[in-house]
Amino acid sequence: MLRQIVLMLIFTASLLFGQGVPLLAQQTSPPDSAQQIIVRVDGASCPFCAFGLEKRLGHLEGVADVRLEMKAGKVIITLQKGATVSEQALRQAVEEAGFTPREISFLPSG
């Protein structure tokens, strides 16, 4: 039993640190004329939780890129050219990921 628990912990850690951290640290420049959205989020304090939030927001239609800055407590979302996402959809996705959405800022392209 103890062996199974240890193996599960090792497996979980390898998934967490093997895949989650590089995605969080990925620095991509937004495509030309893409709109960016900044969402202030409370409660994003661990890489595993942050990965879940990025994944949830990344599944919204029209989203090209999602980056979380944990220390700043904000998510930067880049939309595909011509795409739109409603504030309600963003708030719902953040809440479904288990976080509290705060201020949402839509930054125009250009």
PDB file of N, CA and C in Angstrom:
ATOM      1  N   MET A   1       0.821  -1.192   0.000  1.00  0.00           N
ATOM      2  CA  MET A   1       0.000   0.000   0.000  1.00  0.00           C
ATOM      3  C   MET A   1       0.874   1.268   0.000  1.00  0.00           C
ATOM      4  N   LEU A   2       1.862   1.277   0.866  1.00  0.00           N
ATOM      5  CA  LEU A   2       2.758   2.430   0.942  1.00  0.00           C
ATOM      6  C   LEU A   2       3.507   2.611  -0.373  1.00  0.00           C
ATOM      7  N   ARG A   3       3.894   1.501  -0.967  1.00  0.00           N
ATOM      8  CA  ARG A   3       4.606   1.566  -2.244  1.00  0.00           C
ATOM      9  C   ARG A   3       3.730   2.209  -3.321  1.00  0.00           C
ATOM     10  N   GLN A   4       2.450   1.872  -3.346  1.00  0.00           N
ATOM     11  CA  GLN A   4       1.527   2.449  -4.329  1.00  0.00           C
ATOM     12  C   GLN A   4       1.386   3.951  -4.129  1.00  0.00           C
ATOM     13  N   ILE A   5       1.318   4.364  -2.893  1.00  0.00           N
ATOM     14  CA  ILE A   5       1.191   5.795  -2.595  1.00  0.00           C
ATOM     15  C   ILE A   5       2.441   6.541  -3.055  1.00  0.00           C
ATOM     16  N   VAL A   6       3.609   5.972  -2.770  1.00  0.00           N
ATOM     17  CA  VAL A   6       4.863   6.606  -3.181  1.00  0.00           C
ATOM     18  C   VAL A   6       4.939   6.690  -4.701  1.00  0.00           C
ATOM     19  N   LEU A   7       4.565   5.616  -5.386  1.00  0.00           N
ATOM     20  CA  LEU A   7       4.580   5.628  -6.849  1.00  0.00           C
ATOM     21  C   LEU A   7       3.608   6.660  -7.410  1.00  0.00           C
ATOM     22  N   MET A   8       2.439   6.782  -6.796  1.00  0.00           N
ATOM     23  CA  MET A   8       1.466   7.783  -7.248  1.00  0.00           C
ATOM     24  C   MET A   8       2.017   9.190  -7.050  1.00  0.00           C
ATOM     25  N   LEU A   9       2.679   9.430  -5.930  1.00  0.00           N
ATOM     26  CA  LEU A   9       3.259  10.746  -5.672  1.00  0.00           C
ATOM     27  C   LEU A   9       4.362  11.069  -6.673  1.00  0.00           C
ATOM     28  N   ILE A  10       5.195  10.092  -6.976  1.00  0.00           N
ATOM     29  CA  ILE A  10       6.262  10.308  -7.958  1.00  0.00           C
ATOM     30  C   ILE A  10       5.670  10.592  -9.328  1.00  0.00           C
ATOM     31  N   PHE A  11       4.655   9.835  -9.702  1.00  0.00           N
ATOM     32  CA  PHE A  11       4.001  10.031 -10.994  1.00  0.00           C
ATOM     33  C   PHE A  11       3.375  11.422 -11.075  1.00  0.00           C
ATOM     34  N   THR A  12       2.664  11.812 -10.023  1.00  0.00           N
ATOM     35  CA  THR A  12       2.025  13.127  -9.996  1.00  0.00           C
ATOM     36  C   THR A  12       3.068  14.241 -10.070  1.00  0.00           C
ATOM     37  N   ALA A  13       4.154  14.088  -9.324  1.00  0.00           N
ATOM     38  CA  ALA A  13       5.209  15.106  -9.347  1.00  0.00           C
ATOM     39  C   ALA A  13       5.846  15.209 -10.725  1.00  0.00           C
ATOM     40  N   SER A  14       6.032  14.062 -11.384  1.00  0.00           N
ATOM     41  CA  SER A  14       6.633  14.114 -12.723  1.00  0.00           C
ATOM     42  C   SER A  14       5.714  14.806 -13.711  1.00  0.00           C
ATOM     43  N   LEU A  15       4.409  14.598 -13.574  1.00  0.00           N
ATOM     44  CA  LEU A  15       3.468  15.308 -14.442  1.00  0.00           C
ATOM     45  C   LEU A  15       3.463  16.797 -14.146  1.00  0.00           C
ATOM     46  N   LEU A  16       3.450  17.107 -12.868  1.00  0.00           N
ATOM     47  CA  LEU A  16       3.394  18.502 -12.446  1.00  0.00           C
ATOM     48  C   LEU A  16       4.630  19.274 -12.879  1.00  0.00           C
ATOM     49  N   PHE A  17       5.788  18.751 -12.580  1.00  0.00           N
ATOM     50  CA  PHE A  17       7.013  19.477 -12.869  1.00  0.00           C
ATOM     51  C   PHE A  17       7.556  19.197 -14.256  1.00  0.00           C
ATOM     52  N   GLY A  18       7.152  18.106 -14.847  1.00  0.00           N
ATOM     53  CA  GLY A  18       7.626  17.769 -16.180  1.00  0.00           C
ATOM     54  C   GLY A  18       6.887  18.500 -17.273  1.00  0.00           C
ATOM     55  N   GLN A  19       5.605  18.834 -17.052  1.00  0.00           N
ATOM     56  CA  GLN A  19       4.806  19.468 -18.090  1.00  0.00           C
ATOM     57  C   GLN A  19       4.266  20.819 -17.672  1.00  0.00           C
ATOM     58  N   GLY A  20       3.839  20.956 -16.428  1.00  0.00           N
ATOM     59  CA  GLY A  20       3.186  22.179 -15.991  1.00  0.00           C
ATOM     60  C   GLY A  20       4.096  23.381 -15.927  1.00  0.00           C
ATOM     61  N   VAL A  21       5.272  23.229 -15.370  1.00  0.00           N
ATOM     62  CA  VAL A  21       6.166  24.363 -15.174  1.00  0.00           C
ATOM     63  C   VAL A  21       6.639  24.971 -16.489  1.00  0.00           C
ATOM     64  N   PRO A  22       7.065  24.184 -17.494  1.00  0.00           N
ATOM     65  CA  PRO A  22       7.477  24.812 -18.747  1.00  0.00           C
ATOM     66  C   PRO A  22       6.343  25.592 -19.405  1.00  0.00           C
ATOM     67  N   LEU A  23       5.119  25.104 -19.273  1.00  0.00           N
ATOM     68  CA  LEU A  23       4.004  25.829 -19.861  1.00  0.00           C
ATOM     69  C   LEU A  23       3.787  27.160 -19.153  1.00  0.00           C
ATOM     70  N   LEU A  24       3.996  27.176 -17.836  1.00  0.00           N
ATOM     71  CA  LEU A  24       3.814  28.412 -17.091  1.00  0.00           C
ATOM     72  C   LEU A  24       4.910  29.418 -17.418  1.00  0.00           C
ATOM     73  N   ALA A  25       6.100  28.926 -17.689  1.00  0.00           N
ATOM     74  CA  ALA A  25       7.226  29.810 -17.940  1.00  0.00           C
ATOM     75  C   ALA A  25       7.346  30.213 -19.403  1.00  0.00           C
ATOM     76  N   GLN A  26       6.512  29.638 -20.241  1.00  0.00           N
ATOM     77  CA  GLN A  26       6.601  29.900 -21.680  1.00  0.00           C
ATOM     78  C   GLN A  26       6.339  31.378 -21.964  1.00  0.00           C
ATOM     79  N   GLN A  27       7.251  32.000 -22.663  1.00  0.00           N
ATOM     80  CA  GLN A  27       7.109  33.401 -23.024  1.00  0.00           C
ATOM     81  C   GLN A  27       6.890  33.484 -24.526  1.00  0.00           C
ATOM     82  N   THR A  28       5.699  33.827 -24.930  1.00  0.00           N
ATOM     83  CA  THR A  28       5.414  33.973 -26.349  1.00  0.00           C
ATOM     84  C   THR A  28       4.957  35.392 -26.595  1.00  0.00           C
ATOM     85  N   SER A  29       5.346  35.943 -27.711  1.00  0.00           N
ATOM     86  CA  SER A  29       4.896  37.287 -28.043  1.00  0.00           C
ATOM     87  C   SER A  29       3.539  37.184 -28.718  1.00  0.00           C
ATOM     88  N   PRO A  30       2.624  38.098 -28.404  1.00  0.00           N
ATOM     89  CA  PRO A  30       1.293  38.032 -28.988  1.00  0.00           C
ATOM     90  C   PRO A  30       1.332  38.272 -30.487  1.00  0.00           C
ATOM     91  N   PRO A  31       0.450  37.606 -31.231  1.00  0.00           N
ATOM     92  CA  PRO A  31       0.384  37.839 -32.671  1.00  0.00           C
ATOM     93  C   PRO A  31       0.013  39.290 -32.963  1.00  0.00           C
ATOM     94  N   ASP A  32       0.407  39.784 -34.137  1.00  0.00           N
ATOM     95  CA  ASP A  32       0.075  41.152 -34.522  1.00  0.00           C
ATOM     96  C   ASP A  32      -1.433  41.350 -34.514  1.00  0.00           C
ATOM     97  N   SER A  33      -1.854  42.506 -34.088  1.00  0.00           N
ATOM     98  CA  SER A  33      -3.244  42.958 -34.020  1.00  0.00           C
ATOM     99  C   SER A  33      -4.149  42.020 -33.238  1.00  0.00           C
ATOM    100  N   ALA A  34      -3.601  41.285 -32.283  1.00  0.00           N
ATOM    101  CA  ALA A  34      -4.431  40.453 -31.418  1.00  0.00           C
ATOM    102  C   ALA A  34      -4.790  41.247 -30.170  1.00  0.00           C
ATOM    103  N   GLN A  35      -5.977  41.041 -29.692  1.00  0.00           N
ATOM    104  CA  GLN A  35      -6.420  41.711 -28.483  1.00  0.00           C
ATOM    105  C   GLN A  35      -5.923  40.926 -27.274  1.00  0.00           C
ATOM    106  N   GLN A  36      -5.527  41.635 -26.245  1.00  0.00           N
ATOM    107  CA  GLN A  36      -5.122  40.986 -25.006  1.00  0.00           C
ATOM    108  C   GLN A  36      -6.107  41.327 -23.910  1.00  0.00           C
ATOM    109  N   ILE A  37      -6.260  40.380 -22.999  1.00  0.00           N
ATOM    110  CA  ILE A  37      -7.138  40.552 -21.851  1.00  0.00           C
ATOM    111  C   ILE A  37      -6.319  40.231 -20.612  1.00  0.00           C
ATOM    112  N   ILE A  38      -6.419  41.084 -19.611  1.00  0.00           N
ATOM    113  CA  ILE A  38      -5.747  40.829 -18.339  1.00  0.00           C
ATOM    114  C   ILE A  38      -6.822  40.575 -17.295  1.00  0.00           C
ATOM    115  N   VAL A  39      -6.710  39.429 -16.630  1.00  0.00           N
ATOM    116  CA  VAL A  39      -7.663  39.047 -15.592  1.00  0.00           C
ATOM    117  C   VAL A  39      -6.903  38.953 -14.277  1.00  0.00           C
ATOM    118  N   ARG A  40      -7.307  39.751 -13.302  1.00  0.00           N
ATOM    119  CA  ARG A  40      -6.734  39.660 -11.957  1.00  0.00           C
ATOM    120  C   ARG A  40      -7.428  38.492 -11.255  1.00  0.00           C
ATOM    121  N   VAL A  41      -6.623  37.617 -10.637  1.00  0.00           N
ATOM    122  CA  VAL A  41      -7.151  36.388 -10.046  1.00  0.00           C
ATOM    123  C   VAL A  41      -6.626  36.227  -8.627  1.00  0.00           C
ATOM    124  N   ASP A  42      -7.511  35.859  -7.715  1.00  0.00           N
ATOM    125  CA  ASP A  42      -7.110  35.548  -6.344  1.00  0.00           C
ATOM    126  C   ASP A  42      -6.980  34.040  -6.191  1.00  0.00           C
ATOM    127  N   GLY A  43      -5.949  33.611  -5.484  1.00  0.00           N
ATOM    128  CA  GLY A  43      -5.810  32.207  -5.128  1.00  0.00           C
ATOM    129  C   GLY A  43      -4.865  31.387  -5.974  1.00  0.00           C
ATOM    130  N   ALA A  44      -4.230  31.962  -6.972  1.00  0.00           N
ATOM    131  CA  ALA A  44      -3.301  31.205  -7.822  1.00  0.00           C
ATOM    132  C   ALA A  44      -1.923  31.206  -7.165  1.00  0.00           C
ATOM    133  N   SER A  45      -1.620  30.139  -6.423  1.00  0.00           N
ATOM    134  CA  SER A  45      -0.362  30.137  -5.681  1.00  0.00           C
ATOM    135  C   SER A  45       0.533  28.935  -5.943  1.00  0.00           C
ATOM    136  N   CYS A  46       0.046  27.924  -6.662  1.00  0.00           N
ATOM    137  CA  CYS A  46       0.896  26.762  -6.936  1.00  0.00           C
ATOM    138  C   CYS A  46       0.861  26.434  -8.428  1.00  0.00           C
ATOM    139  N   PRO A  47       1.940  25.873  -8.967  1.00  0.00           N
ATOM    140  CA  PRO A  47       2.007  25.574 -10.405  1.00  0.00           C
ATOM    141  C   PRO A  47       0.915  24.627 -10.883  1.00  0.00           C
ATOM    142  N   PHE A  48       0.561  23.634 -10.074  1.00  0.00           N
ATOM    143  CA  PHE A  48      -0.464  22.684 -10.493  1.00  0.00           C
ATOM    144  C   PHE A  48      -1.814  23.373 -10.652  1.00  0.00           C
ATOM    145  N   CYS A  49      -2.168  24.211  -9.667  1.00  0.00           N
ATOM    146  CA  CYS A  49      -3.430  24.953  -9.740  1.00  0.00           C
ATOM    147  C   CYS A  49      -3.410  25.915 -10.929  1.00  0.00           C
ATOM    148  N   ALA A  50      -2.291  26.564 -11.108  1.00  0.00           N
ATOM    149  CA  ALA A  50      -2.152  27.515 -12.208  1.00  0.00           C
ATOM    150  C   ALA A  50      -2.305  26.824 -13.555  1.00  0.00           C
ATOM    151  N   PHE A  51      -1.775  25.620 -13.673  1.00  0.00           N
ATOM    152  CA  PHE A  51      -1.902  24.867 -14.916  1.00  0.00           C
ATOM    153  C   PHE A  51      -3.375  24.604 -15.219  1.00  0.00           C
ATOM    154  N   GLY A  52      -4.161  24.272 -14.190  1.00  0.00           N
ATOM    155  CA  GLY A  52      -5.594  24.036 -14.383  1.00  0.00           C
ATOM    156  C   GLY A  52      -6.310  25.288 -14.861  1.00  0.00           C
ATOM    157  N   LEU A  53      -5.930  26.433 -14.323  1.00  0.00           N
ATOM    158  CA  LEU A  53      -6.530  27.696 -14.736  1.00  0.00           C
ATOM    159  C   LEU A  53      -6.160  28.018 -16.180  1.00  0.00           C
ATOM    160  N   GLU A  54      -4.892  27.857 -16.522  1.00  0.00           N
ATOM    161  CA  GLU A  54      -4.456  28.107 -17.903  1.00  0.00           C
ATOM    162  C   GLU A  54      -5.174  27.178 -18.879  1.00  0.00           C
ATOM    163  N   LYS A  55      -5.315  25.938 -18.492  1.00  0.00           N
ATOM    164  CA  LYS A  55      -5.976  24.957 -19.360  1.00  0.00           C
ATOM    165  C   LYS A  55      -7.443  25.335 -19.576  1.00  0.00           C
ATOM    166  N   ARG A  56      -8.127  25.715 -18.495  1.00  0.00           N
ATOM    167  CA  ARG A  56      -9.551  26.076 -18.587  1.00  0.00           C
ATOM    168  C   ARG A  56      -9.736  27.295 -19.491  1.00  0.00           C
ATOM    169  N   LEU A  57      -8.929  28.332 -19.292  1.00  0.00           N
ATOM    170  CA  LEU A  57      -9.046  29.534 -20.116  1.00  0.00           C
ATOM    171  C   LEU A  57      -8.627  29.265 -21.560  1.00  0.00           C
ATOM    172  N   GLY A  58      -7.651  28.397 -21.740  1.00  0.00           N
ATOM    173  CA  GLY A  58      -7.179  28.064 -23.080  1.00  0.00           C
ATOM    174  C   GLY A  58      -8.205  27.341 -23.932  1.00  0.00           C
ATOM    175  N   HIS A  59      -9.207  26.741 -23.288  1.00  0.00           N
ATOM    176  CA  HIS A  59     -10.259  26.040 -24.025  1.00  0.00           C
ATOM    177  C   HIS A  59     -11.377  26.968 -24.502  1.00  0.00           C
ATOM    178  N   LEU A  60     -11.344  28.226 -24.085  1.00  0.00           N
ATOM    179  CA  LEU A  60     -12.358  29.168 -24.563  1.00  0.00           C
ATOM    180  C   LEU A  60     -12.141  29.428 -26.049  1.00  0.00           C
ATOM    181  N   GLU A  61     -13.219  29.496 -26.778  1.00  0.00           N
ATOM    182  CA  GLU A  61     -13.132  29.719 -28.223  1.00  0.00           C
ATOM    183  C   GLU A  61     -12.497  31.079 -28.514  1.00  0.00           C
ATOM    184  N   GLY A  62     -11.522  31.090 -29.401  1.00  0.00           N
ATOM    185  CA  GLY A  62     -10.869  32.329 -29.805  1.00  0.00           C
ATOM    186  C   GLY A  62      -9.602  32.658 -29.041  1.00  0.00           C
ATOM    187  N   VAL A  63      -9.268  31.867 -28.022  1.00  0.00           N
ATOM    188  CA  VAL A  63      -8.067  32.137 -27.226  1.00  0.00           C
ATOM    189  C   VAL A  63      -6.846  31.541 -27.919  1.00  0.00           C
ATOM    190  N   ALA A  64      -5.825  32.376 -28.139  1.00  0.00           N
ATOM    191  CA  ALA A  64      -4.592  31.932 -28.794  1.00  0.00           C
ATOM    192  C   ALA A  64      -3.514  31.558 -27.781  1.00  0.00           C
ATOM    193  N   ASP A  65      -3.452  32.275 -26.648  1.00  0.00           N
ATOM    194  CA  ASP A  65      -2.386  32.048 -25.675  1.00  0.00           C
ATOM    195  C   ASP A  65      -2.855  32.480 -24.295  1.00  0.00           C
ATOM    196  N   VAL A  66      -2.410  31.754 -23.269  1.00  0.00           N
ATOM    197  CA  VAL A  66      -2.724  32.088 -21.881  1.00  0.00           C
ATOM    198  C   VAL A  66      -1.435  31.989 -21.078  1.00  0.00           C
ATOM    199  N   ARG A  67      -1.100  33.057 -20.357  1.00  0.00           N
ATOM    200  CA  ARG A  67       0.070  33.064 -19.473  1.00  0.00           C
ATOM    201  C   ARG A  67      -0.352  33.560 -18.106  1.00  0.00           C
ATOM    202  N   LEU A  68       0.082  32.860 -17.078  1.00  0.00           N
ATOM    203  CA  LEU A  68      -0.224  33.259 -15.716  1.00  0.00           C
ATOM    204  C   LEU A  68       1.026  33.811 -15.057  1.00  0.00           C
ATOM    205  N   GLU A  69       0.892  34.971 -14.457  1.00  0.00           N
ATOM    206  CA  GLU A  69       1.964  35.554 -13.651  1.00  0.00           C
ATOM    207  C   GLU A  69       1.523  35.437 -12.200  1.00  0.00           C
ATOM    208  N   MET A  70       1.960  34.339 -11.548  1.00  0.00           N
ATOM    209  CA  MET A  70       1.487  34.038 -10.195  1.00  0.00           C
ATOM    210  C   MET A  70       1.809  35.139  -9.200  1.00  0.00           C
ATOM    211  N   LYS A  71       3.031  35.661  -9.243  1.00  0.00           N
ATOM    212  CA  LYS A  71       3.423  36.694  -8.275  1.00  0.00           C
ATOM    213  C   LYS A  71       2.559  37.938  -8.409  1.00  0.00           C
ATOM    214  N   ALA A  72       2.185  38.275  -9.630  1.00  0.00           N
ATOM    215  CA  ALA A  72       1.362  39.462  -9.870  1.00  0.00           C
ATOM    216  C   ALA A  72      -0.120  39.163  -9.703  1.00  0.00           C
ATOM    217  N   GLY A  73      -0.484  37.889  -9.662  1.00  0.00           N
ATOM    218  CA  GLY A  73      -1.889  37.514  -9.523  1.00  0.00           C
ATOM    219  C   GLY A  73      -2.716  37.865 -10.741  1.00  0.00           C
ATOM    220  N   LYS A  74      -2.115  37.703 -11.924  1.00  0.00           N
ATOM    221  CA  LYS A  74      -2.869  38.039 -13.127  1.00  0.00           C
ATOM    222  C   LYS A  74      -2.645  37.014 -14.227  1.00  0.00           C
ATOM    223  N   VAL A  75      -3.639  36.915 -15.088  1.00  0.00           N
ATOM    224  CA  VAL A  75      -3.582  36.048 -16.254  1.00  0.00           C
ATOM    225  C   VAL A  75      -3.627  36.948 -17.479  1.00  0.00           C
ATOM    226  N   ILE A  76      -2.720  36.706 -18.425  1.00  0.00           N
ATOM    227  CA  ILE A  76      -2.693  37.471 -19.670  1.00  0.00           C
ATOM    228  C   ILE A  76      -3.175  36.549 -20.778  1.00  0.00           C
ATOM    229  N   ILE A  77      -4.268  36.929 -21.394  1.00  0.00           N
ATOM    230  CA  ILE A  77      -4.894  36.122 -22.437  1.00  0.00           C
ATOM    231  C   ILE A  77      -4.747  36.861 -23.758  1.00  0.00           C
ATOM    232  N   THR A  78      -4.245  36.177 -24.765  1.00  0.00           N
ATOM    233  CA  THR A  78      -4.146  36.737 -26.107  1.00  0.00           C
ATOM    234  C   THR A  78      -5.177  36.039 -26.975  1.00  0.00           C
ATOM    235  N   LEU A  79      -5.998  36.841 -27.645  1.00  0.00           N
ATOM    236  CA  LEU A  79      -7.029  36.290 -28.519  1.00  0.00           C
ATOM    237  C   LEU A  79      -6.520  36.152 -29.944  1.00  0.00           C
ATOM    238  N   GLN A  80      -7.119  35.230 -30.659  1.00  0.00           N
ATOM    239  CA  GLN A  80      -6.840  35.097 -32.083  1.00  0.00           C
ATOM    240  C   GLN A  80      -7.366  36.345 -32.786  1.00  0.00           C
ATOM    241  N   LYS A  81      -6.780  36.668 -33.917  1.00  0.00           N
ATOM    242  CA  LYS A  81      -7.182  37.857 -34.661  1.00  0.00           C
ATOM    243  C   LYS A  81      -8.680  37.800 -34.967  1.00  0.00           C
ATOM    244  N   GLY A  82      -9.384  38.868 -34.596  1.00  0.00           N
ATOM    245  CA  GLY A  82     -10.815  38.978 -34.858  1.00  0.00           C
ATOM    246  C   GLY A  82     -11.710  38.257 -33.863  1.00  0.00           C
ATOM    247  N   ALA A  83     -11.130  37.544 -32.907  1.00  0.00           N
ATOM    248  CA  ALA A  83     -11.928  36.792 -31.935  1.00  0.00           C
ATOM    249  C   ALA A  83     -12.353  37.688 -30.777  1.00  0.00           C
ATOM    250  N   THR A  84     -13.435  37.308 -30.127  1.00  0.00           N
ATOM    251  CA  THR A  84     -13.905  38.001 -28.933  1.00  0.00           C
ATOM    252  C   THR A  84     -14.293  36.970 -27.877  1.00  0.00           C
ATOM    253  N   VAL A  85     -14.145  37.358 -26.625  1.00  0.00           N
ATOM    254  CA  VAL A  85     -14.559  36.531 -25.498  1.00  0.00           C
ATOM    255  C   VAL A  85     -15.269  37.458 -24.526  1.00  0.00           C
ATOM    256  N   SER A  86     -16.421  37.032 -24.034  1.00  0.00           N
ATOM    257  CA  SER A  86     -17.186  37.885 -23.128  1.00  0.00           C
ATOM    258  C   SER A  86     -16.599  37.861 -21.721  1.00  0.00           C
ATOM    259  N   GLU A  87     -16.841  38.932 -20.995  1.00  0.00           N
ATOM    260  CA  GLU A  87     -16.391  38.999 -19.606  1.00  0.00           C
ATOM    261  C   GLU A  87     -17.051  37.891 -18.793  1.00  0.00           C
ATOM    262  N   GLN A  88     -18.314  37.611 -19.087  1.00  0.00           N
ATOM    263  CA  GLN A  88     -19.037  36.557 -18.375  1.00  0.00           C
ATOM    264  C   GLN A  88     -18.375  35.192 -18.589  1.00  0.00           C
ATOM    265  N   ALA A  89     -17.965  34.893 -19.824  1.00  0.00           N
ATOM    266  CA  ALA A  89     -17.303  33.615 -20.122  1.00  0.00           C
ATOM    267  C   ALA A  89     -15.969  33.515 -19.383  1.00  0.00           C
ATOM    268  N   LEU A  90     -15.238  34.629 -19.314  1.00  0.00           N
ATOM    269  CA  LEU A  90     -13.961  34.643 -18.599  1.00  0.00           C
ATOM    270  C   LEU A  90     -14.168  34.400 -17.111  1.00  0.00           C
ATOM    271  N   ARG A  91     -15.128  35.115 -16.527  1.00  0.00           N
ATOM    272  CA  ARG A  91     -15.406  34.946 -15.097  1.00  0.00           C
ATOM    273  C   ARG A  91     -15.832  33.512 -14.783  1.00  0.00           C
ATOM    274  N   GLN A  92     -16.678  32.958 -15.629  1.00  0.00           N
ATOM    275  CA  GLN A  92     -17.156  31.595 -15.418  1.00  0.00           C
ATOM    276  C   GLN A  92     -16.003  30.592 -15.498  1.00  0.00           C
ATOM    277  N   ALA A  93     -15.116  30.747 -16.473  1.00  0.00           N
ATOM    278  CA  ALA A  93     -13.979  29.837 -16.625  1.00  0.00           C
ATOM    279  C   ALA A  93     -13.046  29.914 -15.415  1.00  0.00           C
ATOM    280  N   VAL A  94     -12.794  31.122 -14.925  1.00  0.00           N
ATOM    281  CA  VAL A  94     -11.925  31.296 -13.756  1.00  0.00           C
ATOM    282  C   VAL A  94     -12.563  30.649 -12.527  1.00  0.00           C
ATOM    283  N   GLU A  95     -13.862  30.867 -12.339  1.00  0.00           N
ATOM    284  CA  GLU A  95     -14.563  30.278 -11.198  1.00  0.00           C
ATOM    285  C   GLU A  95     -14.599  28.757 -11.289  1.00  0.00           C
ATOM    286  N   GLU A  96     -14.822  28.217 -12.486  1.00  0.00           N
ATOM    287  CA  GLU A  96     -14.847  26.764 -12.666  1.00  0.00           C
ATOM    288  C   GLU A  96     -13.482  26.140 -12.392  1.00  0.00           C
ATOM    289  N   ALA A  97     -12.427  26.915 -12.565  1.00  0.00           N
ATOM    290  CA  ALA A  97     -11.077  26.429 -12.265  1.00  0.00           C
ATOM    291  C   ALA A  97     -10.774  26.536 -10.770  1.00  0.00           C
ATOM    292  N   GLY A  98     -11.697  27.127 -10.003  1.00  0.00           N
ATOM    293  CA  GLY A  98     -11.540  27.204  -8.556  1.00  0.00           C
ATOM    294  C   GLY A  98     -10.910  28.477  -8.034  1.00  0.00           C
ATOM    295  N   PHE A  99     -10.933  29.538  -8.835  1.00  0.00           N
ATOM    296  CA  PHE A  99     -10.327  30.802  -8.438  1.00  0.00           C
ATOM    297  C   PHE A  99     -11.370  31.909  -8.420  1.00  0.00           C
ATOM    298  N   THR A 100     -10.986  33.037  -7.838  1.00  0.00           N
ATOM    299  CA  THR A 100     -11.876  34.186  -7.774  1.00  0.00           C
ATOM    300  C   THR A 100     -11.404  35.242  -8.763  1.00  0.00           C
ATOM    301  N   PRO A 101     -12.233  35.519  -9.785  1.00  0.00           N
ATOM    302  CA  PRO A 101     -11.853  36.571 -10.736  1.00  0.00           C
ATOM    303  C   PRO A 101     -12.096  37.943 -10.126  1.00  0.00           C
ATOM    304  N   ARG A 102     -11.209  38.864 -10.383  1.00  0.00           N
ATOM    305  CA  ARG A 102     -11.358  40.246  -9.915  1.00  0.00           C
ATOM    306  C   ARG A 102     -11.517  41.147 -11.134  1.00  0.00           C
ATOM    307  N   GLU A 103     -10.643  42.101 -11.274  1.00  0.00           N
ATOM    308  CA  GLU A 103     -10.702  43.065 -12.378  1.00  0.00           C
ATOM    309  C   GLU A 103     -10.341  42.395 -13.705  1.00  0.00           C
ATOM    310  N   ILE A 104     -11.112  42.711 -14.750  1.00  0.00           N
ATOM    311  CA  ILE A 104     -10.831  42.220 -16.095  1.00  0.00           C
ATOM    312  C   ILE A 104     -10.642  43.428 -16.997  1.00  0.00           C
ATOM    313  N   SER A 105      -9.486  43.495 -17.669  1.00  0.00           N
ATOM    314  CA  SER A 105      -9.174  44.616 -18.559  1.00  0.00           C
ATOM    315  C   SER A 105      -9.003  44.112 -19.979  1.00  0.00           C
ATOM    316  N   PHE A 106      -9.733  44.719 -20.909  1.00  0.00           N
ATOM    317  CA  PHE A 106      -9.617  44.395 -22.329  1.00  0.00           C
ATOM    318  C   PHE A 106      -8.712  45.437 -22.975  1.00  0.00           C
ATOM    319  N   LEU A 107      -7.585  44.993 -23.510  1.00  0.00           N
ATOM    320  CA  LEU A 107      -6.631  45.898 -24.137  1.00  0.00           C
ATOM    321  C   LEU A 107      -6.799  45.830 -25.646  1.00  0.00           C
ATOM    322  N   PRO A 108      -7.055  46.953 -26.285  1.00  0.00           N
ATOM    323  CA  PRO A 108      -7.267  46.941 -27.736  1.00  0.00           C
ATOM    324  C   PRO A 108      -5.996  46.584 -28.487  1.00  0.00           C
ATOM    325  N   SER A 109      -6.193  46.052 -29.676  1.00  0.00           N
ATOM    326  CA  SER A 109      -5.039  45.708 -30.512  1.00  0.00           C
ATOM    327  C   SER A 109      -4.420  46.972 -31.076  1.00  0.00           C
ATOM    328  N   GLY A 110      -3.170  46.816 -31.503  1.00  0.00           N
ATOM    329  CA  GLY A 110      -2.483  47.932 -32.143  1.00  0.00           C
ATOM    330  C   GLY A 110      -1.743  48.700 -31.159  1.00  0.00           C
TER     331      GLY A 110
END
